[in-house]
Structures are given as structure tokens and as C-alpha cells.
Amino acid sequence: MLFKGSSVERNGKRTGLFARMKKALGATKDNLVGRIESVLSSRPAIDEELLDDLEETLLSADLGVRVTERIMHAIREKRKKKLIETAEEAKAELRSQLYAILSVKEAKKPSEEEGIRVWMIVGVNGTGKTTTIGKLAAKISQAGNTVLVVAADTFRPAAIEQLSVWAERSGADLIKSKIGMDPSAVLHDALAAARARGSDFVIIDTAGRLHTKGNLMQELEKMRRVAEKKIPGAPHEVLLVVDATTGQNGLSQAREFMKFTGITGLIVTKLDGTAKGGIVFGISLELGIPVRYLGVGESLEDLLEFSPEFFIDSLFSETSSQPPPLP
């Protein structure tokens, strides 16, 4: 459950989250929904020429080929059955398909009472991975948990320094080591420390040198084995950080990490500064992994828990500042 407390408190949090998501998705809304509406309003009836224009629009809005094919197939099939005859009906079907794509079912996760929770954060350098870890640590700490952050990207001094700052800002403990030390050894010692301190969560920063892909993936696999040996069931989450501004390149990165690290969720960063938020749909459909968080700024609180309802309503709503009703 995303929102706890009284109904008034929950409604206030939901309204605030919805407003922030709408603001962050402004450029993507213009690039995607604005262009869709322009195409659909260009002709009085839904004909094949209009559908071709709509398909081209979806492809150019960073939805990707598979998402576009799925949507257009659904619309064309319903048009054949005369279930879609107007622009509004086509738009409603498109919206329904996008929502279904984002509603990825999560694998059953162990209960929170099973001890230390270990999260590995992976992604290419420059995606905002280290900043995201600081935001995650702050969010988890604010919920009343103790957090230990592990600086396991041992080949980038700047990453360790940056993580030290974020850990201090978020109120989390930090384990770091000498530059160049084996990341798995750092992780081993950090997990031992987490047990000794009674930490609730361990969040692991990892290297993102994709240009040395083979070595990087072997390193990540080794870290997974070390985590599992030290803490039963670990890592409980492997969250991939993707920079929304990279568009379809983000999907290519996700494919590579998925092969080796068993990604359980996605964090999309820099969403507030791009019109390429459509990449979220492509990754969700192709890899079948749920989006967990959205990065929408540089402050500690600028990490939003993802909601398919909020995301879709933020894109398609007109002027309402109220979130969709609870299911």
C-alpha cells in the first residue's frame, strides 16, 4: 500500500503525488498525447490513412516498435468489428492499452519481517544512479527504517564521494573502502556490518561501466552470489536505473542488464527534463518488469513511487488536479 494513515492524510498525499507527476510529465504529454490528439482530430472519421498517421506518431514518440504494434493491432481489430468509429473511441482504446502495458504483475515478494532487505541498484554511469540511491535511502529512512548504503562502485572516486554526501543527507550509514578494492569484498564486509548493527535495509551502489560489459556483468553476478550467501534470499530487489532522456537507448541498456542481473524493477530518472517518457512503456512491455519509482528532480524528495493509474491519468487528463479514485 503506497499511502498509510488517516483517509484525509492519504487523500492529501495522493493529490500531491498526482500534481507532481502531472508536472513532471508535461513535456512527454505534449510529445505523445498532444500529437495523438492532433492526428485524431485531423479527420472526421477513423480511416486507414488516419491510422497510418497515428502509427507513425506513436513510433516517433519513443514508444518503440512493439508497443506501437500492440496498440495499432488492438485499434484496427476493434475498428473491423465496428467497436471503434470515432476519435474519442480510438483515444480511449489507446489509453486502455497503455495502462495495461504498465500494469505489470510483480513476483511475490517475501514479507518485511524476514530480516535485512538487500537492494542492488544497477545502471549505466550517468543515469543518476548514485543520486537515486540517496533519495531511496531518505524515503526508506523516513518510513522508520535504518539504512546502510554500500559504496561498491570502487573504481570511481567521484561516485564514492557523491554517495557519502547523499548518505549524510538521507541519514543513512555508509560503508566504503579504498579505491580499486574488489566490490564483492566490500559487499561481504558491508553485509556483516549490517547484521551486527541490526540494519533494516542495505542499498548497494554498483559500477556502470557498460563499455567493459563482460567484466561488469561478471562483477554483478559475483556480487549477487555474495549477497545470497550472506543474507538468505538476497538480493531481494535488483533495481535498474534508466535515464529517460536517452529514449530507446534506455531499452537497449535494460536488455543487457536483464540478461545477467535478474532485474526486479525499474527506476526512471530525469523524467521532468524530457519529452521521451514513452520509453517507460517499451521497457515494461518487452521485459515485463514493473516501474517502481520516477526521478523528477535533484532534491531528496524528488523520487515518486510509481502508479500506473497516476501515470496514465497525468498524461491524458485535461485540467483536473485530483488523482483518479482508489480502485
Protein backbone atom coordinates (compact mmCIF):
# COMPACT_ATOMS: atom_id res chain seq x y z
CA MET A 1 0.00 0.00 0.00
CA LEU A 2 1.50 3.33 -1.02
CA PHE A 3 -0.38 5.53 1.40
CA LYS A 4 -0.82 4.97 5.12
CA GLY A 5 -2.53 6.92 7.87
CA SER A 6 -5.96 8.55 8.04
CA SER A 7 -8.15 8.93 4.96
CA VAL A 8 -7.54 12.69 4.99
CA GLU A 9 -3.78 12.15 5.12
CA ARG A 10 -3.91 9.55 2.35
CA ASN A 11 -6.00 11.77 0.10
CA GLY A 12 -3.63 14.68 0.69
CA LYS A 13 -0.60 12.56 -0.24
CA ARG A 14 -2.34 11.17 -3.31
CA THR A 15 -3.33 14.62 -4.53
CA GLY A 16 0.19 15.94 -4.01
CA LEU A 17 1.77 12.98 -5.79
CA PHE A 18 -0.64 13.29 -8.71
CA ALA A 19 0.10 17.00 -9.09
CA ARG A 20 3.85 16.39 -9.09
CA MET A 21 3.57 13.59 -11.60
CA LYS A 22 1.46 15.76 -13.93
CA LYS A 23 4.06 18.49 -13.78
CA ALA A 24 6.95 16.08 -14.42
CA LEU A 25 5.18 14.54 -17.41
CA GLY A 26 4.32 17.85 -19.07
CA ALA A 27 6.83 17.53 -21.92
CA THR A 28 6.00 13.85 -22.52
CA LYS A 29 2.29 14.68 -22.55
CA ASP A 30 2.86 17.30 -25.26
CA ASN A 31 5.08 14.98 -27.29
CA LEU A 32 2.85 11.93 -27.02
CA VAL A 33 -0.75 12.76 -26.18
CA GLY A 34 -0.71 16.19 -27.82
CA ARG A 35 0.41 14.69 -31.12
CA ILE A 36 -2.06 11.81 -30.82
CA GLU A 37 -4.93 14.21 -30.32
CA SER A 38 -3.75 16.30 -33.27
CA VAL A 39 -3.79 13.26 -35.55
CA LEU A 40 -7.17 12.00 -34.32
CA SER A 41 -8.77 15.41 -34.80
CA SER A 42 -7.42 15.81 -38.33
CA ARG A 43 -10.25 13.82 -39.95
CA PRO A 44 -13.95 13.39 -39.17
CA ALA A 45 -13.82 9.58 -39.33
CA ILE A 46 -11.37 6.81 -38.44
CA ASP A 47 -10.00 5.58 -41.77
CA GLU A 48 -6.87 3.67 -42.75
CA GLU A 49 -4.96 6.80 -43.67
CA LEU A 50 -5.59 8.26 -40.23
CA LEU A 51 -4.48 5.01 -38.61
CA ASP A 52 -1.25 5.10 -40.61
CA ASP A 53 -0.61 8.64 -39.38
CA LEU A 54 -1.36 7.54 -35.81
CA GLU A 55 1.09 4.65 -36.11
CA GLU A 56 3.83 6.96 -37.35
CA THR A 57 3.13 9.34 -34.47
CA LEU A 58 3.45 6.59 -31.87
CA LEU A 59 6.73 5.39 -33.36
CA SER A 60 8.19 8.90 -33.30
CA ALA A 61 7.16 9.45 -29.67
CA ASP A 62 9.63 6.91 -28.22
CA LEU A 63 7.04 4.22 -27.59
CA GLY A 64 9.03 1.74 -29.63
CA VAL A 65 8.02 -0.78 -32.29
CA ARG A 66 6.48 -3.46 -30.04
CA VAL A 67 4.29 -1.03 -28.11
CA THR A 68 3.15 0.66 -31.30
CA GLU A 69 2.35 -2.67 -32.97
CA ARG A 70 0.31 -3.83 -29.98
CA ILE A 71 -1.71 -0.63 -29.81
CA MET A 72 -2.37 -0.40 -33.54
CA HIS A 73 -3.35 -4.07 -33.77
CA ALA A 74 -5.91 -3.59 -30.99
CA ILE A 75 -7.35 -0.46 -32.58
CA ARG A 76 -7.55 -1.97 -36.08
CA GLU A 77 -9.21 -5.14 -34.77
CA LYS A 78 -11.87 -3.16 -32.91
CA ARG A 79 -12.41 -0.95 -35.95
CA LYS A 80 -13.08 -4.05 -38.07
CA LYS A 81 -15.72 -5.09 -35.54
CA LYS A 82 -17.14 -1.53 -35.59
CA LEU A 83 -16.31 -1.10 -31.92
CA ILE A 84 -14.21 1.95 -32.77
CA GLU A 85 -15.70 4.55 -35.09
CA THR A 86 -14.79 7.91 -33.55
CA ALA A 87 -11.64 9.70 -32.48
CA GLU A 88 -12.68 9.53 -28.82
CA GLU A 89 -13.20 5.77 -29.03
CA ALA A 90 -9.76 5.34 -30.62
CA LYS A 91 -8.19 7.50 -27.92
CA ALA A 92 -9.94 5.50 -25.19
CA GLU A 93 -8.60 2.23 -26.60
CA LEU A 94 -5.10 3.67 -26.89
CA ARG A 95 -5.25 4.80 -23.27
CA SER A 96 -6.52 1.40 -22.17
CA GLN A 97 -3.67 -0.37 -23.97
CA LEU A 98 -1.03 1.90 -22.42
CA TYR A 99 -2.45 1.30 -18.95
CA ALA A 100 -2.42 -2.47 -19.49
CA ILE A 101 1.24 -2.34 -20.55
CA LEU A 102 2.24 -0.57 -17.34
CA SER A 103 0.23 -2.88 -15.11
CA VAL A 104 2.96 -5.49 -14.89
CA LYS A 105 2.31 -8.08 -12.21
CA GLU A 106 5.08 -8.26 -9.66
CA ALA A 107 6.53 -11.52 -8.44
CA LYS A 108 5.51 -12.40 -4.91
CA LYS A 109 7.96 -10.80 -2.51
CA PRO A 110 8.96 -12.08 0.93
CA SER A 111 7.32 -10.47 3.95
CA GLU A 112 9.01 -7.48 5.54
CA GLU A 113 9.51 -9.48 8.76
CA GLU A 114 12.14 -11.77 7.25
CA GLY A 115 15.15 -9.69 8.28
CA ILE A 116 17.52 -7.43 6.40
CA ARG A 117 16.31 -6.32 2.99
CA VAL A 118 19.08 -6.09 0.40
CA TRP A 119 18.61 -3.93 -2.69
CA MET A 120 21.11 -3.79 -5.56
CA ILE A 121 20.94 -0.69 -7.72
CA VAL A 122 22.34 -1.15 -11.24
CA GLY A 123 22.61 1.01 -14.32
CA VAL A 124 24.95 2.78 -16.70
CA ASN A 125 27.11 5.61 -15.35
CA GLY A 126 25.41 8.96 -15.83
CA THR A 127 21.83 7.76 -15.39
CA GLY A 128 21.53 9.32 -11.93
CA LYS A 129 22.13 6.05 -10.08
CA THR A 130 24.04 7.50 -7.13
CA THR A 131 21.60 10.36 -6.67
CA THR A 132 18.72 7.91 -6.79
CA ILE A 133 20.29 5.80 -4.05
CA GLY A 134 20.40 8.87 -1.81
CA LYS A 135 16.72 9.54 -2.47
CA LEU A 136 15.81 5.89 -1.83
CA ALA A 137 17.74 5.90 1.44
CA ALA A 138 15.91 9.04 2.54
CA LYS A 139 12.49 7.63 1.63
CA ILE A 140 13.14 4.36 3.44
CA SER A 141 14.59 6.15 6.48
CA GLN A 142 11.59 8.45 6.69
CA ALA A 143 9.40 5.35 6.96
CA GLY A 144 11.18 4.48 10.21
CA ASN A 145 13.82 2.06 8.90
CA THR A 146 17.58 2.00 9.44
CA VAL A 147 19.51 2.03 6.18
CA LEU A 148 23.07 1.05 5.33
CA VAL A 149 24.41 2.25 1.96
CA VAL A 150 27.28 0.34 0.35
CA ALA A 151 29.68 2.18 -1.98
CA ALA A 152 30.54 -0.82 -4.17
CA ASP A 153 31.44 1.22 -7.26
CA THR A 154 35.05 1.16 -6.14
CA PHE A 155 36.62 2.33 -9.39
CA ARG A 156 35.14 5.84 -9.42
CA PRO A 157 36.34 8.09 -6.57
CA ALA A 158 33.75 10.69 -7.54
CA ALA A 159 30.95 8.15 -7.09
CA ILE A 160 32.11 7.31 -3.57
CA GLU A 161 32.39 10.98 -2.65
CA GLN A 162 28.96 11.72 -4.06
CA LEU A 163 27.43 8.76 -2.25
CA SER A 164 28.98 9.94 1.03
CA VAL A 165 27.21 13.27 0.66
CA TRP A 166 23.86 11.66 -0.18
CA ALA A 167 24.14 9.18 2.69
CA GLU A 168 24.74 12.01 5.13
CA ARG A 169 21.80 13.99 3.73
CA SER A 170 19.49 10.99 3.96
CA GLY A 171 20.53 9.94 7.44
CA ALA A 172 21.87 6.56 6.29
CA ASP A 173 25.04 4.78 7.38
CA LEU A 174 27.72 4.28 4.73
CA ILE A 175 30.25 1.52 4.12
CA LYS A 176 33.09 2.39 1.73
CA SER A 177 36.61 1.18 1.05
CA LYS A 178 39.83 2.02 -0.75
CA ILE A 179 39.65 2.83 -4.44
CA GLY A 180 40.05 -0.26 -6.63
CA MET A 181 39.08 -2.81 -3.99
CA ASP A 182 37.06 -5.84 -5.10
CA PRO A 183 33.37 -4.74 -4.96
CA SER A 184 32.29 -8.19 -3.77
CA ALA A 185 34.70 -7.98 -0.84
CA VAL A 186 33.27 -4.59 0.08
CA LEU A 187 29.77 -6.03 -0.10
CA HIS A 188 30.75 -9.02 2.04
CA ASP A 189 32.05 -6.77 4.82
CA ALA A 190 29.07 -4.42 4.50
CA LEU A 191 26.53 -7.22 4.94
CA ALA A 192 28.40 -8.44 8.01
CA ALA A 193 28.26 -4.89 9.38
CA ALA A 194 24.54 -4.66 8.59
CA ARG A 195 23.89 -7.78 10.62
CA ALA A 196 25.97 -6.52 13.52
CA ARG A 197 24.19 -3.15 13.51
CA GLY A 198 20.72 -4.60 13.04
CA SER A 199 20.09 -2.60 9.85
CA ASP A 200 16.69 -2.94 8.20
CA PHE A 201 17.82 -2.17 4.64
CA VAL A 202 21.07 -2.42 2.70
CA ILE A 203 21.25 -0.44 -0.55
CA ILE A 204 24.18 -1.29 -2.82
CA ASP A 205 25.67 1.09 -5.38
CA THR A 206 27.27 -0.81 -8.27
CA ALA A 207 29.54 0.08 -11.16
CA GLY A 208 28.08 1.06 -14.51
CA ARG A 209 30.95 0.75 -16.96
CA LEU A 210 28.92 -0.67 -19.84
CA HIS A 211 31.81 -0.19 -22.26
CA THR A 212 33.51 -3.07 -20.41
CA LYS A 213 30.27 -5.02 -20.46
CA GLY A 214 31.67 -8.52 -19.98
CA ASN A 215 33.71 -7.66 -16.89
CA LEU A 216 30.90 -5.56 -15.44
CA MET A 217 28.30 -8.28 -15.75
CA GLN A 218 30.64 -10.88 -14.24
CA GLU A 219 31.22 -8.49 -11.35
CA LEU A 220 27.50 -8.02 -10.79
CA GLU A 221 26.88 -11.77 -10.90
CA LYS A 222 29.59 -12.31 -8.29
CA MET A 223 28.02 -9.67 -6.05
CA ARG A 224 24.67 -11.42 -6.32
CA ARG A 225 26.25 -14.67 -5.18
CA VAL A 226 27.97 -12.99 -2.23
CA ALA A 227 24.73 -11.31 -1.16
CA GLU A 228 22.79 -14.57 -1.33
CA LYS A 229 25.43 -16.41 0.67
CA LYS A 230 25.45 -13.80 3.45
CA ILE A 231 21.72 -12.99 3.60
CA PRO A 232 19.07 -15.61 2.69
CA GLY A 233 17.07 -14.54 -0.36
CA ALA A 234 19.33 -11.58 -1.14
CA PRO A 235 19.34 -9.51 -3.20
CA HIS A 236 15.62 -9.02 -2.60
CA GLU A 237 15.47 -6.30 -5.24
CA VAL A 238 17.63 -5.53 -8.27
CA LEU A 239 16.51 -2.12 -9.46
CA LEU A 240 17.69 -0.79 -12.82
CA VAL A 241 18.10 2.98 -13.14
CA VAL A 242 17.35 4.30 -16.64
CA ASP A 243 17.75 7.90 -17.82
CA ALA A 244 14.53 8.86 -19.62
CA THR A 245 16.37 11.39 -21.79
CA THR A 246 18.17 8.56 -23.60
CA GLY A 247 14.93 7.29 -25.12
CA GLN A 248 15.29 3.94 -26.92
CA ASN A 249 18.90 3.61 -25.72
CA GLY A 250 17.42 3.05 -22.29
CA LEU A 251 15.66 -0.05 -23.61
CA SER A 252 18.94 -1.38 -25.04
CA GLN A 253 20.61 -0.90 -21.65
CA ALA A 254 17.74 -2.67 -19.90
CA ARG A 255 18.09 -5.68 -22.22
CA GLU A 256 21.78 -6.06 -21.37
CA PHE A 257 21.32 -5.83 -17.61
CA MET A 258 18.30 -8.13 -17.72
CA LYS A 259 20.45 -10.91 -19.21
CA PHE A 260 22.77 -11.01 -16.23
CA THR A 261 21.25 -9.42 -13.15
CA GLY A 262 17.62 -10.55 -12.93
CA ILE A 263 16.10 -7.10 -12.69
CA THR A 264 13.03 -6.91 -10.43
CA GLY A 265 12.06 -3.29 -11.03
CA LEU A 266 12.78 -0.10 -12.90
CA ILE A 267 13.60 3.43 -11.75
CA VAL A 268 13.22 6.07 -14.46
CA THR A 269 15.18 9.27 -13.80
CA LYS A 270 15.25 12.80 -15.26
CA LEU A 271 11.63 12.45 -16.32
CA ASP A 272 10.97 16.11 -15.63
CA GLY A 273 13.50 17.24 -18.22
CA THR A 274 12.50 15.22 -21.26
CA ALA A 275 9.70 14.51 -23.73
CA LYS A 276 10.86 10.87 -24.03
CA GLY A 277 8.89 9.41 -21.12
CA GLY A 278 7.31 7.00 -23.59
CA ILE A 279 10.31 4.72 -23.08
CA VAL A 280 8.61 3.53 -19.88
CA PHE A 281 6.07 1.63 -21.98
CA GLY A 282 8.68 -0.03 -24.18
CA ILE A 283 10.68 -1.42 -21.26
CA SER A 284 7.58 -2.55 -19.37
CA LEU A 285 6.20 -4.44 -22.38
CA GLU A 286 9.39 -6.04 -23.67
CA LEU A 287 10.97 -7.04 -20.36
CA GLY A 288 7.88 -7.47 -18.22
CA ILE A 289 9.36 -5.61 -15.26
CA PRO A 290 7.39 -3.10 -13.20
CA VAL A 291 8.33 0.54 -12.81
CA ARG A 292 8.90 1.25 -9.12
CA TYR A 293 9.99 4.89 -8.92
CA LEU A 294 10.26 8.04 -11.03
CA GLY A 295 13.03 10.60 -10.55
CA VAL A 296 11.72 14.12 -11.13
CA GLY A 297 14.37 16.45 -9.71
CA GLU A 298 17.52 16.79 -7.63
CA SER A 299 16.06 17.12 -4.12
CA LEU A 300 15.77 14.26 -1.64
CA GLU A 301 12.00 14.18 -2.02
CA ASP A 302 12.12 14.10 -5.83
CA LEU A 303 11.63 10.34 -6.10
CA LEU A 304 7.99 9.41 -6.69
CA GLU A 305 6.53 5.97 -6.09
CA PHE A 306 5.14 4.79 -9.41
CA SER A 307 1.44 4.26 -10.01
CA PRO A 308 0.15 3.15 -13.44
CA GLU A 309 -3.15 4.96 -12.74
CA PHE A 310 -1.42 8.22 -11.88
CA PHE A 311 0.97 7.95 -14.82
CA ILE A 312 -1.77 7.41 -17.40
CA ASP A 313 -4.13 9.96 -15.87
CA SER A 314 -1.31 12.51 -15.73
CA LEU A 315 -0.77 12.07 -19.47
CA PHE A 316 -4.41 12.11 -20.55
CA SER A 317 -6.11 14.39 -18.00
CA GLU A 318 -7.06 17.87 -19.10
CA THR A 319 -7.19 20.27 -16.15
CA SER A 320 -8.10 18.18 -13.12
CA SER A 321 -5.60 18.28 -10.25
CA GLN A 322 -7.32 15.37 -8.49
CA PRO A 323 -5.96 11.83 -8.78
CA PRO A 324 -8.13 9.00 -10.07
CA PRO A 325 -10.33 7.36 -7.39
CA LEU A 326 -9.00 4.42 -5.44
CA PRO A 327 -9.94 1.06 -7.01
